[in-house]
Amino acid sequence: MIRPGSVALLGLAALACRKPAPPAAFPPAEVGIVTITPRRVDQVFEFVGNVEAFKRVQVRSQVNGVILSRPFTEGQAVRAGQVLYRIDPTAYDADWRAAKARLAEAEARQANMEQNLTRLTALLRDNAISKQEYDNSVSQAKQAQAAVEEARGIVDRARKNLDDTAVRAELSGRVGKALLEVGARVRGSDDVLTTIDVLEPIYVTFRPSGQQLLAWRRDPKSSRLIEPGGPLRVEAILPDGSTLPVQGKLGFIDPVLDPATGTQAFRAQFPNPQRLLLPGQFVRVRLLGMVRDSAIVIPQRAVLQAMGRQTVMVVTPGDTVRPREVAASAWTGDQWVIEHGLAPGDRVVVDGLQKVFPGMKVRPVPVGDGTTRADSAPIPRGPKP
């Protein structure tokens, strides 16, 4: 007879002899990928630009004297020929009147010499005077004529000095701050009275690096665009982030690089009817119209950056994740242009990077956000200098 306690002990012994069931294996993690397909993309390069006046002139006086009036408002538009300063004309008016008197005297002397020469000419024909007397009269008449010309020059100079006491704008534009006020003494052209800036049109200067210039020159299409007056379009982004309503054209390229910065000055000309661009302003400049064939573009979120290195996670043919170092040169929004490190057909992890590690098995799923469609590809942009 088996006791109940013995049955219980036998059951526990049987349970103790059973092996525990192995834990269930976890399925591979799902990650979103894009498959590399080279395509043609529009490249937009961006730089920092400095706004400069189309023309900038310094207003100076040609005469000395005390400023009597300043009939202009600082910062306002002025017209060519408009009076900006009036300098005391007393001394110059006296010089002009004295020069006119000397001219009248010289003209009277010349008239007398010419009449005398006319009389002597008639007497010479009748042999009533010697040839020497006639030659002396001719010489005196020429001297009198020369004296008249000299007096006229003095009158013209005195008149110009008198006119220059009214300092006028040489061109139309926006006048700057008055550097000398009423009552100050002007020392001729040594003193700058104010400045005039022409703001319509206006210049924006930007400086691509020597490395960027070399890349442009090696590309035949880009090289044809980077020429003054070429088809390249230039867009200006204002400090508030808005885009200037009108586009500019490249008008000047400095023939040499700046040895201090390794950059080359490019200057674009913009219409500026609304005066949205002002000298001294900093804007962002975008170059539009460049195209790159067979470019490799991936979403920006797929690129990991650390310690100056750029890395992506690539899914190998066995669905294993492997890191790969790349070089991304141009970007915009969520897109990178990859210079090297990836090839057509490579599968790059875009979503789920935070849950994968090298050597891990994954289940790749193509992303459905349209990042690999050529017709919806965003425009890459050059890195900001």
Protein backbone atom coordinates (compact mmCIF):
# COMPACT_ATOMS: atom_id res chain seq x y z
CA MET A 1 0.00 0.00 0.00
CA ILE A 2 1.39 3.34 -1.12
CA ARG A 3 0.97 6.12 1.26
CA PRO A 4 -0.33 9.51 0.01
CA GLY A 5 2.86 11.19 1.10
CA SER A 6 4.88 8.86 -1.06
CA VAL A 7 2.82 9.78 -4.13
CA ALA A 8 3.55 13.43 -3.57
CA LEU A 9 7.28 12.76 -3.29
CA LEU A 10 7.26 10.77 -6.52
CA GLY A 11 5.51 13.63 -8.35
CA LEU A 12 8.06 16.16 -7.17
CA ALA A 13 10.89 13.89 -8.26
CA ALA A 14 9.38 13.60 -11.75
CA LEU A 15 9.05 17.36 -12.07
CA ALA A 16 12.65 17.84 -10.94
CA CYS A 17 13.86 15.53 -13.72
CA ARG A 18 12.21 17.59 -16.49
CA LYS A 19 14.47 20.07 -18.42
CA PRO A 20 13.30 23.73 -18.64
CA ALA A 21 11.99 24.84 -22.08
CA PRO A 22 14.36 27.17 -24.00
CA PRO A 23 13.26 30.82 -24.18
CA ALA A 24 11.53 31.94 -27.39
CA ALA A 25 13.90 33.67 -29.92
CA PHE A 26 13.20 37.39 -30.62
CA PRO A 27 12.47 38.25 -34.26
CA PRO A 28 14.94 40.58 -36.10
CA ALA A 29 14.31 44.28 -35.54
CA GLU A 30 12.51 46.07 -38.33
CA VAL A 31 14.36 49.04 -39.86
CA GLY A 32 13.46 51.44 -42.63
CA ILE A 33 15.92 51.55 -45.52
CA VAL A 34 16.46 53.36 -48.81
CA THR A 35 18.16 51.73 -51.77
CA ILE A 36 20.79 53.91 -53.45
CA THR A 37 19.82 54.94 -56.99
CA PRO A 38 21.95 57.69 -58.61
CA ARG A 39 19.95 60.46 -60.21
CA ARG A 40 20.22 63.96 -61.56
CA VAL A 41 19.77 66.68 -58.96
CA ASP A 42 19.81 70.45 -58.91
CA GLN A 43 22.60 71.81 -56.75
CA VAL A 44 22.15 75.00 -54.78
CA PHE A 45 25.24 76.45 -53.11
CA GLU A 46 24.86 78.86 -50.22
CA PHE A 47 27.29 81.49 -48.95
CA VAL A 48 27.33 84.50 -46.65
CA GLY A 49 27.14 87.74 -48.64
CA ASN A 50 27.94 91.36 -47.80
CA VAL A 51 25.80 94.12 -49.31
CA GLU A 52 27.68 97.00 -50.95
CA ALA A 53 26.48 100.17 -52.64
CA PHE A 54 26.43 100.18 -56.43
CA LYS A 55 28.39 103.43 -56.25
CA ARG A 56 29.76 105.31 -53.26
CA VAL A 57 31.29 108.76 -53.59
CA GLN A 58 32.78 111.12 -51.05
CA VAL A 59 31.55 114.68 -51.24
CA ARG A 60 34.44 117.15 -50.98
CA SER A 61 34.77 120.88 -51.51
CA GLN A 62 37.16 122.29 -54.09
CA VAL A 63 37.56 125.60 -52.21
CA ASN A 64 38.39 126.74 -48.71
CA GLY A 65 36.07 128.67 -46.46
CA VAL A 66 33.46 128.66 -43.73
CA ILE A 67 30.26 126.66 -44.21
CA LEU A 68 27.26 128.99 -44.26
CA SER A 69 24.47 126.44 -44.75
CA ARG A 70 23.75 122.73 -45.21
CA PRO A 71 20.49 122.50 -47.18
CA PHE A 72 20.04 118.71 -47.14
CA THR A 73 18.54 116.17 -44.77
CA GLU A 74 20.83 113.37 -43.68
CA GLY A 75 19.85 109.94 -44.98
CA GLN A 76 17.48 111.26 -47.64
CA ALA A 77 17.59 110.86 -51.41
CA VAL A 78 19.33 113.62 -53.33
CA ARG A 79 19.45 114.46 -57.05
CA ALA A 80 22.52 115.06 -59.16
CA GLY A 81 23.28 118.79 -59.06
CA GLN A 82 21.45 119.43 -55.80
CA VAL A 83 23.25 121.86 -53.44
CA LEU A 84 24.50 120.11 -50.32
CA TYR A 85 26.70 122.83 -48.75
CA ARG A 86 27.19 126.57 -49.23
CA ILE A 87 30.60 128.04 -48.40
CA ASP A 88 31.23 131.74 -47.80
CA PRO A 89 31.66 133.19 -51.35
CA THR A 90 32.86 136.70 -50.42
CA ALA A 91 36.54 136.28 -51.29
CA TYR A 92 35.81 134.27 -54.43
CA ASP A 93 33.26 136.80 -55.66
CA ALA A 94 35.87 139.57 -55.23
CA ASP A 95 38.44 137.52 -57.14
CA TRP A 96 35.98 136.98 -59.97
CA ARG A 97 35.13 140.66 -60.27
CA ALA A 98 38.83 141.61 -60.21
CA ALA A 99 39.59 139.03 -62.90
CA LYS A 100 36.81 140.44 -65.09
CA ALA A 101 38.29 143.93 -64.71
CA ARG A 102 41.73 142.72 -65.76
CA LEU A 103 40.18 140.99 -68.75
CA ALA A 104 38.46 144.21 -69.81
CA GLU A 105 41.74 146.06 -69.51
CA ALA A 106 43.56 143.43 -71.60
CA GLU A 107 40.82 143.50 -74.25
CA ALA A 108 41.07 147.32 -74.48
CA ARG A 109 44.83 147.11 -74.89
CA GLN A 110 44.42 144.47 -77.59
CA ALA A 111 41.90 146.63 -79.49
CA ASN A 112 44.29 149.58 -79.40
CA MET A 113 47.17 147.42 -80.68
CA GLU A 114 45.08 146.04 -83.53
CA GLN A 115 44.01 149.56 -84.61
CA ASN A 116 47.64 150.71 -84.50
CA LEU A 117 48.67 147.68 -86.57
CA THR A 118 46.01 148.51 -89.16
CA ARG A 119 47.35 152.06 -89.56
CA LEU A 120 50.96 150.90 -89.81
CA THR A 121 50.02 148.35 -92.44
CA ALA A 122 48.71 151.11 -94.70
CA LEU A 123 51.79 153.25 -94.09
CA LEU A 124 54.08 150.31 -94.86
CA ARG A 125 52.49 149.93 -98.29
CA ASP A 126 53.32 153.61 -98.97
CA ASN A 127 56.84 153.13 -97.59
CA ALA A 128 56.06 155.79 -94.96
CA ILE A 129 57.47 153.65 -92.11
CA SER A 130 60.28 151.20 -91.77
CA LYS A 131 59.78 147.46 -91.75
CA GLN A 132 61.13 147.41 -88.18
CA GLU A 133 58.33 149.65 -86.92
CA TYR A 134 55.77 147.41 -88.57
CA ASP A 135 57.28 144.23 -87.09
CA ASN A 136 57.27 145.81 -83.63
CA SER A 137 53.58 146.61 -83.99
CA VAL A 138 52.79 143.05 -85.06
CA SER A 139 54.63 141.69 -82.01
CA GLN A 140 52.79 144.06 -79.66
CA ALA A 141 49.43 143.02 -81.13
CA LYS A 142 50.23 139.34 -80.55
CA GLN A 143 51.32 140.08 -76.97
CA ALA A 144 48.07 141.91 -76.37
CA GLN A 145 46.10 138.94 -77.71
CA ALA A 146 48.02 136.57 -75.43
CA ALA A 147 47.33 138.82 -72.46
CA VAL A 148 43.61 138.66 -73.26
CA GLU A 149 43.67 134.85 -73.34
CA GLU A 150 45.49 134.76 -70.02
CA ALA A 151 42.97 137.13 -68.47
CA ARG A 152 40.10 135.00 -69.74
CA GLY A 153 41.65 131.94 -68.12
CA ILE A 154 41.91 133.80 -64.82
CA VAL A 155 38.26 134.83 -65.14
CA ASP A 156 37.19 131.23 -65.85
CA ARG A 157 39.14 129.94 -62.85
CA ALA A 158 37.73 132.66 -60.59
CA ARG A 159 34.22 131.90 -61.83
CA LYS A 160 34.68 128.18 -61.15
CA ASN A 161 35.94 128.86 -57.63
CA LEU A 162 32.89 131.05 -57.03
CA ASP A 163 30.58 128.32 -58.35
CA ASP A 164 32.35 125.74 -56.19
CA THR A 165 31.27 127.58 -53.05
CA ALA A 166 27.97 125.78 -53.69
CA VAL A 167 28.93 122.12 -53.16
CA ARG A 168 26.60 119.99 -55.29
CA ALA A 169 25.82 116.27 -55.51
CA GLU A 170 27.69 114.67 -58.39
CA LEU A 171 25.15 111.87 -58.74
CA SER A 172 21.70 110.86 -57.53
CA GLY A 173 21.54 108.59 -54.49
CA ARG A 174 21.09 108.53 -50.75
CA VAL A 175 23.17 111.03 -48.80
CA GLY A 176 24.87 109.97 -45.59
CA LYS A 177 25.69 111.71 -42.35
CA ALA A 178 27.00 115.29 -42.44
CA LEU A 179 30.64 115.16 -41.36
CA LEU A 180 31.03 118.96 -41.14
CA GLU A 181 28.35 121.33 -39.94
CA VAL A 182 27.53 125.02 -40.36
CA GLY A 183 30.31 127.24 -39.02
CA ALA A 184 33.10 124.75 -39.66
CA ARG A 185 36.01 125.78 -41.88
CA VAL A 186 36.61 123.60 -44.91
CA ARG A 187 40.21 122.99 -45.98
CA GLY A 188 39.42 122.30 -49.60
CA SER A 189 39.51 118.74 -50.87
CA ASP A 190 41.25 117.50 -47.71
CA ASP A 191 37.92 117.39 -45.86
CA VAL A 192 35.11 114.90 -46.59
CA LEU A 193 31.77 116.63 -46.11
CA THR A 194 29.47 113.62 -46.53
CA THR A 195 28.95 110.55 -48.74
CA ILE A 196 26.40 109.54 -51.37
CA ASP A 197 25.45 105.90 -51.98
CA VAL A 198 23.66 104.60 -55.06
CA LEU A 199 21.31 101.85 -53.83
CA GLU A 200 19.49 100.98 -57.06
CA PRO A 201 20.85 98.63 -58.29
CA ILE A 202 23.01 97.23 -55.50
CA TYR A 203 25.88 94.75 -55.11
CA VAL A 204 26.19 91.63 -52.93
CA THR A 205 29.70 90.18 -52.55
CA PHE A 206 30.30 86.58 -51.45
CA ARG A 207 33.44 84.45 -51.28
CA PRO A 208 33.57 80.78 -52.33
CA SER A 209 36.55 78.79 -51.08
CA GLY A 210 39.42 77.73 -53.30
CA GLN A 211 38.34 74.09 -52.94
CA GLN A 212 34.82 74.90 -54.12
CA LEU A 213 36.18 76.91 -57.05
CA LEU A 214 38.37 74.00 -58.11
CA ALA A 215 35.36 71.65 -58.10
CA TRP A 216 33.39 74.11 -60.25
CA ARG A 217 36.22 74.54 -62.74
CA ARG A 218 36.60 70.78 -63.17
CA ASP A 219 32.91 70.40 -64.04
CA PRO A 220 32.34 71.66 -67.63
CA LYS A 221 28.70 72.58 -66.94
CA SER A 222 29.47 74.48 -63.77
CA SER A 223 32.49 76.16 -65.34
CA ARG A 224 30.30 77.64 -68.07
CA LEU A 225 27.88 78.98 -65.47
CA ILE A 226 30.48 80.61 -63.22
CA GLU A 227 31.18 83.50 -65.58
CA PRO A 228 30.24 87.19 -65.30
CA GLY A 229 26.97 87.78 -67.11
CA GLY A 230 26.29 84.03 -67.45
CA PRO A 231 22.95 82.25 -66.93
CA LEU A 232 23.64 81.55 -63.24
CA ARG A 233 20.89 82.98 -61.02
CA VAL A 234 21.64 84.41 -57.60
CA GLU A 235 19.08 84.51 -54.78
CA ALA A 236 19.40 86.60 -51.61
CA ILE A 237 17.95 85.53 -48.25
CA LEU A 238 17.28 88.52 -45.99
CA PRO A 239 18.19 88.55 -42.28
CA ASP A 240 14.58 87.72 -41.30
CA GLY A 241 14.67 84.54 -43.40
CA SER A 242 12.54 85.87 -46.26
CA THR A 243 13.70 85.73 -49.86
CA LEU A 244 14.36 88.88 -51.85
CA PRO A 245 11.55 89.12 -54.45
CA VAL A 246 14.01 89.61 -57.32
CA GLN A 247 17.02 87.57 -58.35
CA GLY A 248 20.47 88.86 -59.24
CA LYS A 249 23.13 88.12 -61.81
CA LEU A 250 26.82 87.47 -61.38
CA GLY A 251 28.64 90.55 -62.65
CA PHE A 252 32.23 90.41 -61.39
CA ILE A 253 34.75 87.78 -60.29
CA ASP A 254 38.02 88.83 -58.71
CA PRO A 255 40.82 87.41 -60.87
CA VAL A 256 42.91 86.38 -57.83
CA LEU A 257 42.30 84.60 -54.53
CA ASP A 258 42.71 86.34 -51.23
CA PRO A 259 45.88 84.80 -49.76
CA ALA A 260 44.71 85.52 -46.21
CA THR A 261 41.44 83.57 -46.51
CA GLY A 262 41.92 81.32 -49.55
CA THR A 263 38.67 82.63 -51.05
CA GLN A 264 37.75 84.48 -54.23
CA ALA A 265 35.41 87.46 -54.32
CA PHE A 266 32.25 87.09 -56.44
CA ARG A 267 29.92 90.07 -56.87
CA ALA A 268 26.28 89.83 -57.91
CA GLN A 269 24.09 92.75 -58.95
CA PHE A 270 20.50 92.94 -57.71
CA PRO A 271 17.62 95.29 -58.52
CA ASN A 272 16.73 97.10 -55.31
CA PRO A 273 13.62 99.21 -55.96
CA GLN A 274 12.23 98.71 -52.44
CA ARG A 275 15.59 99.38 -50.74
CA LEU A 276 15.40 96.05 -48.90
CA LEU A 277 19.16 95.66 -49.29
CA LEU A 278 21.35 98.24 -47.58
CA PRO A 279 25.15 98.64 -47.60
CA GLY A 280 26.82 96.84 -44.71
CA GLN A 281 24.02 94.27 -44.41
CA PHE A 282 24.81 90.54 -44.28
CA VAL A 283 22.59 88.15 -46.26
CA ARG A 284 22.69 84.54 -47.37
CA VAL A 285 23.37 84.03 -51.05
CA ARG A 286 22.18 81.00 -53.02
CA LEU A 287 23.47 80.08 -56.47
CA LEU A 288 20.74 78.55 -58.63
CA GLY A 289 21.03 76.74 -61.93
CA MET A 290 23.75 74.14 -61.32
CA VAL A 291 22.93 70.49 -62.08
CA ARG A 292 24.76 67.35 -61.03
CA ASP A 293 24.31 64.05 -62.88
CA SER A 294 24.42 60.60 -61.23
CA ALA A 295 24.41 62.01 -57.72
CA ILE A 296 23.95 59.78 -54.67
CA VAL A 297 21.45 61.39 -52.29
CA ILE A 298 20.24 60.02 -48.95
CA PRO A 299 18.07 61.48 -46.18
CA GLN A 300 20.04 63.56 -43.72
CA ARG A 301 18.77 61.55 -40.75
CA ALA A 302 20.62 58.50 -42.09
CA VAL A 303 24.03 60.10 -41.52
CA LEU A 304 25.62 59.78 -38.09
CA GLN A 305 28.23 62.42 -37.23
CA ALA A 306 30.75 62.04 -34.44
CA MET A 307 34.35 63.16 -33.91
CA GLY A 308 34.44 64.78 -37.34
CA ARG A 309 33.44 61.57 -39.09
CA GLN A 310 30.27 60.78 -41.06
CA THR A 311 28.90 57.25 -40.92
CA VAL A 312 25.85 55.38 -42.20
CA MET A 313 24.49 51.94 -41.36
CA VAL A 314 24.33 49.65 -44.39
CA VAL A 315 22.31 46.43 -44.58
CA THR A 316 24.45 43.71 -46.15
CA PRO A 317 23.08 40.94 -48.41
CA GLY A 318 22.58 38.73 -45.31
CA ASP A 319 20.42 41.45 -43.68
CA THR A 320 23.17 42.25 -41.22
CA VAL A 321 23.91 45.84 -40.25
CA ARG A 322 27.41 47.16 -40.92
CA PRO A 323 28.74 50.71 -40.41
CA ARG A 324 30.32 52.53 -43.36
CA GLU A 325 32.15 55.82 -43.39
CA VAL A 326 30.99 58.31 -46.04
CA ALA A 327 31.79 61.83 -47.17
CA ALA A 328 28.76 64.11 -47.47
CA SER A 329 29.50 67.41 -49.21
CA ALA A 330 26.20 69.17 -49.87
CA TRP A 331 22.92 69.34 -47.98
CA THR A 332 19.48 70.85 -47.76
CA GLY A 333 16.68 70.22 -45.28
CA ASP A 334 16.75 66.43 -44.98
CA GLN A 335 19.02 65.44 -47.87
CA TRP A 336 22.77 64.82 -48.15
CA VAL A 337 24.79 64.48 -51.35
CA ILE A 338 27.34 61.70 -50.80
CA GLU A 339 30.70 62.13 -52.51
CA HIS A 340 32.08 58.68 -51.73
CA GLY A 341 31.41 55.71 -49.45
CA LEU A 342 28.18 54.47 -51.08
CA ALA A 343 27.44 52.74 -54.38
CA PRO A 344 24.29 52.06 -56.39
CA GLY A 345 22.24 49.27 -54.85
CA ASP A 346 23.47 49.80 -51.28
CA ARG A 347 20.73 49.64 -48.67
CA VAL A 348 21.06 52.39 -46.07
CA VAL A 349 19.22 52.40 -42.74
CA VAL A 350 17.08 55.52 -42.40
CA ASP A 351 14.61 54.67 -39.62
CA GLY A 352 15.38 52.64 -36.51
CA LEU A 353 19.02 53.63 -36.13
CA GLN A 354 18.64 53.90 -32.37
CA LYS A 355 17.91 50.17 -32.00
CA VAL A 356 20.62 48.63 -34.22
CA PHE A 357 24.30 47.91 -33.72
CA PRO A 358 27.06 46.49 -35.97
CA GLY A 359 26.58 42.80 -36.75
CA MET A 360 22.91 42.79 -35.79
CA LYS A 361 20.36 40.91 -37.92
CA VAL A 362 17.48 43.11 -39.05
CA ARG A 363 14.36 42.99 -41.19
CA PRO A 364 14.76 45.78 -43.78
CA VAL A 365 11.62 47.54 -44.95
CA PRO A 366 11.73 50.21 -47.70
CA VAL A 367 10.60 53.56 -46.37
CA GLY A 368 7.49 55.03 -47.91
CA ASP A 369 8.27 58.73 -47.56
CA GLY A 370 9.30 59.20 -51.19
CA THR A 371 12.94 59.97 -50.46
CA THR A 372 14.13 57.76 -53.31
CA ARG A 373 11.83 59.15 -55.99
CA ALA A 374 13.68 61.34 -58.48
CA ASP A 375 10.64 63.46 -59.25
CA SER A 376 10.29 64.57 -55.63
CA ALA A 377 13.95 64.89 -54.69
CA PRO A 378 14.71 68.07 -52.75
CA ILE A 379 17.46 70.36 -53.94
CA PRO A 380 20.80 69.87 -52.21
CA ARG A 381 22.68 72.95 -51.14
CA GLY A 382 26.33 73.69 -50.55
CA PRO A 383 27.47 73.77 -46.94
CA LYS A 384 27.54 77.15 -45.27
CA PRO A 385 31.04 78.66 -45.09
